[in-house]
C-alpha atoms as a PDB file:
ATOM      1  CA  MET A   1       0.000   0.000   0.000  1.00  0.00           C
ATOM      2  CA  GLN A   2       1.549   3.245  -1.170  1.00  0.00           C
ATOM      3  CA  ILE A   3       0.851   6.354   0.925  1.00  0.00           C
ATOM      4  CA  GLN A   4       1.247   9.874  -0.460  1.00  0.00           C
ATOM      5  CA  VAL A   5       1.054  12.778   2.000  1.00  0.00           C
ATOM      6  CA  ASN A   6       0.195  16.266   0.700  1.00  0.00           C
ATOM      7  CA  THR A   7       0.019  19.441   2.782  1.00  0.00           C
ATOM      8  CA  ASP A   8      -1.191  22.953   2.143  1.00  0.00           C
ATOM      9  CA  LYS A   9       1.019  26.032   2.501  1.00  0.00           C
ATOM     10  CA  ASN A  10       0.044  26.437   6.169  1.00  0.00           C
ATOM     11  CA  ILE A  11       1.350  23.038   7.270  1.00  0.00           C
ATOM     12  CA  SER A  12       5.004  22.180   7.004  1.00  0.00           C
ATOM     13  CA  GLY A  13       5.260  18.793   5.334  1.00  0.00           C
ATOM     14  CA  HIS A  14       8.429  17.588   7.010  1.00  0.00           C
ATOM     15  CA  GLU A  15       9.513  13.959   7.062  1.00  0.00           C
ATOM     16  CA  ALA A  16       8.504  13.389  10.701  1.00  0.00           C
ATOM     17  CA  LEU A  17       4.908  14.400   9.910  1.00  0.00           C
ATOM     18  CA  ALA A  18       4.780  12.090   6.887  1.00  0.00           C
ATOM     19  CA  GLN A  19       6.211   9.208   8.939  1.00  0.00           C
ATOM     20  CA  SER A  20       3.669   9.776  11.730  1.00  0.00           C
ATOM     21  CA  VAL A  21       0.788   9.833   9.230  1.00  0.00           C
ATOM     22  CA  GLU A  22       2.033   6.661   7.508  1.00  0.00           C
ATOM     23  CA  THR A  23       2.408   4.840  10.833  1.00  0.00           C
ATOM     24  CA  THR A  24      -1.141   5.745  11.882  1.00  0.00           C
ATOM     25  CA  LEU A  25      -2.631   4.710   8.542  1.00  0.00           C
ATOM     26  CA  ASN A  26      -0.653   1.467   8.263  1.00  0.00           C
ATOM     27  CA  HIS A  27      -1.762   0.469  11.751  1.00  0.00           C
ATOM     28  CA  THR A  28      -5.434   1.468  11.413  1.00  0.00           C
ATOM     29  CA  LEU A  29      -5.961   0.153   7.873  1.00  0.00           C
ATOM     30  CA  ALA A  30      -3.713  -2.933   8.108  1.00  0.00           C
ATOM     31  CA  ARG A  31      -6.475  -5.454   7.378  1.00  0.00           C
ATOM     32  CA  PHE A  32      -7.342  -3.699   4.097  1.00  0.00           C
ATOM     33  CA  THR A  33      -3.832  -3.689   2.579  1.00  0.00           C
ATOM     34  CA  ASP A  34      -4.819  -6.400   0.084  1.00  0.00           C
ATOM     35  CA  HIS A  35      -7.544  -4.119  -1.305  1.00  0.00           C
ATOM     36  CA  ILE A  36      -5.909  -0.667  -1.148  1.00  0.00           C
ATOM     37  CA  THR A  37      -3.343   0.112  -3.810  1.00  0.00           C
ATOM     38  CA  ARG A  38      -2.733   3.730  -2.794  1.00  0.00           C
ATOM     39  CA  LEU A  39      -3.764   6.208  -0.124  1.00  0.00           C
ATOM     40  CA  GLU A  40      -3.628   9.925  -0.753  1.00  0.00           C
ATOM     41  CA  VAL A  41      -3.621  12.122   2.327  1.00  0.00           C
ATOM     42  CA  HIS A  42      -4.370  15.836   2.051  1.00  0.00           C
ATOM     43  CA  LEU A  43      -3.662  17.826   5.212  1.00  0.00           C
ATOM     44  CA  SER A  44      -4.780  21.417   5.570  1.00  0.00           C
ATOM     45  CA  ASP A  45      -5.213  24.184   8.099  1.00  0.00           C
ATOM     46  CA  GLU A  46      -8.667  25.512   7.270  1.00  0.00           C
ATOM     47  CA  ASN A  47      -8.271  28.796   9.145  1.00  0.00           C
ATOM     48  CA  SER A  48      -4.577  29.302   8.286  1.00  0.00           C
ATOM     49  CA  THR A  49      -2.475  31.709  10.298  1.00  0.00           C
ATOM     50  CA  SER A  50      -4.834  34.659   9.860  1.00  0.00           C
ATOM     51  CA  LYS A  51      -7.649  33.082  11.868  1.00  0.00           C
ATOM     52  CA  SER A  52      -7.864  30.564  14.615  1.00  0.00           C
ATOM     53  CA  GLY A  53     -10.516  28.186  15.741  1.00  0.00           C
ATOM     54  CA  PRO A  54     -10.944  25.106  17.857  1.00  0.00           C
ATOM     55  CA  VAL A  55     -11.427  22.720  14.929  1.00  0.00           C
ATOM     56  CA  ASP A  56      -9.348  23.919  12.024  1.00  0.00           C
ATOM     57  CA  LYS A  57      -7.090  21.018  11.001  1.00  0.00           C
ATOM     58  CA  ARG A  58      -8.468  18.842   8.199  1.00  0.00           C
ATOM     59  CA  CYS A  59      -7.469  15.474   6.810  1.00  0.00           C
ATOM     60  CA  LEU A  60      -8.926  14.303   3.511  1.00  0.00           C
ATOM     61  CA  LEU A  61      -8.146  10.645   2.937  1.00  0.00           C
ATOM     62  CA  GLU A  62      -8.647   9.070  -0.486  1.00  0.00           C
ATOM     63  CA  ALA A  63      -8.271   5.323  -0.930  1.00  0.00           C
ATOM     64  CA  ARG A  64      -7.712   3.814  -4.328  1.00  0.00           C
ATOM     65  CA  LEU A  65      -8.948   0.256  -4.335  1.00  0.00           C
ATOM     66  CA  ALA A  66      -7.893  -2.371  -6.835  1.00  0.00           C
ATOM     67  CA  GLY A  67     -10.469  -2.530  -9.629  1.00  0.00           C
ATOM     68  CA  ARG A  68     -12.785   0.074  -8.045  1.00  0.00           C
ATOM     69  CA  GLN A  69     -13.393   3.801  -8.055  1.00  0.00           C
ATOM     70  CA  PRO A  70     -11.516   5.858  -5.440  1.00  0.00           C
ATOM     71  CA  THR A  71     -13.360   6.532  -2.210  1.00  0.00           C
ATOM     72  CA  SER A  72     -12.714   9.334   0.256  1.00  0.00           C
ATOM     73  CA  VAL A  73     -13.482  10.569   3.746  1.00  0.00           C
ATOM     74  CA  SER A  74     -12.447  13.614   5.726  1.00  0.00           C
ATOM     75  CA  ASP A  75     -12.199  14.646   9.333  1.00  0.00           C
ATOM     76  CA  GLN A  76     -11.592  17.930  11.117  1.00  0.00           C
ATOM     77  CA  SER A  77     -10.055  18.287  14.549  1.00  0.00           C
ATOM     78  CA  THR A  78      -7.879  20.498  16.726  1.00  0.00           C
ATOM     79  CA  THR A  79      -4.637  18.736  15.735  1.00  0.00           C
ATOM     80  CA  ILE A  80      -3.314  17.052  12.600  1.00  0.00           C
ATOM     81  CA  ASP A  81      -2.804  13.773  14.471  1.00  0.00           C
ATOM     82  CA  GLN A  82      -6.422  13.723  15.653  1.00  0.00           C
ATOM     83  CA  ALA A  83      -7.708  14.594  12.168  1.00  0.00           C
ATOM     84  CA  VAL A  84      -5.636  11.787  10.589  1.00  0.00           C
ATOM     85  CA  SER A  85      -6.827   9.285  13.191  1.00  0.00           C
ATOM     86  CA  GLY A  86     -10.448  10.365  12.764  1.00  0.00           C
ATOM     87  CA  ALA A  87     -10.270  10.085   8.975  1.00  0.00           C
ATOM     88  CA  ALA A  88      -8.587   6.675   9.221  1.00  0.00           C
ATOM     89  CA  HIS A  89     -11.360   5.346  11.464  1.00  0.00           C
ATOM     90  CA  LYS A  90     -14.018   6.735   9.108  1.00  0.00           C
ATOM     91  CA  MET A  91     -12.231   4.969   6.233  1.00  0.00           C
ATOM     92  CA  VAL A  92     -12.319   1.688   8.174  1.00  0.00           C
ATOM     93  CA  ARG A  93     -16.093   1.967   8.574  1.00  0.00           C
ATOM     94  CA  LEU A  94     -16.528   2.879   4.898  1.00  0.00           C
ATOM     95  CA  LEU A  95     -14.354   0.002   3.673  1.00  0.00           C
ATOM     96  CA  GLU A  96     -16.090  -2.462   5.989  1.00  0.00           C
ATOM     97  CA  SER A  97     -19.383  -1.390   4.472  1.00  0.00           C
ATOM     98  CA  GLU A  98     -18.226  -1.313   0.845  1.00  0.00           C
ATOM     99  CA  LEU A  99     -16.147  -4.486   0.882  1.00  0.00           C
ATOM    100  CA  GLY A 100     -18.745  -6.269   2.995  1.00  0.00           C
ATOM    101  CA  LYS A 101     -21.313  -5.608   0.268  1.00  0.00           C
ATOM    102  CA  LEU A 102     -19.002  -7.217  -2.287  1.00  0.00           C
ATOM    103  CA  ASP A 103     -18.562 -10.302  -0.117  1.00  0.00           C
ATOM    104  CA  ASN A 104     -22.333 -10.700   0.177  1.00  0.00           C
ATOM    105  CA  HIS A 105     -22.855 -10.838  -3.609  1.00  0.00           C
END
C-alpha cells in the first residue's frame, strides 16, 4: 500500500509528519492492505495563520482500491494527528461497508 502525503502552505510537510501519518494509517488500515493500492492524504489548516478556531485542522483521505473507483473521507479536529486518526477510522467503517457488500454478492 503506497501512501502519499500532501500538505497545504500552512502546514510544514516535514519527514517526521509524513512518517507519523504513515504509521497511523498502516496500523489502522492494516487489514485492508490487500484491497488498497494507494492512499492519498491531504492535510490542511482551514483557518490558516490569519484566523484561529478550535477545529481547524483537516485530513482528507482518499483510498484507491484495486479494480474500483476511489473513495474518500475527511475529518476535522484540533490537531493534525487527531484529524488523521479520525479520517482513518471513518475509512475503516466505509471500507467495511463497501467491501462487505461485495462479499455478500
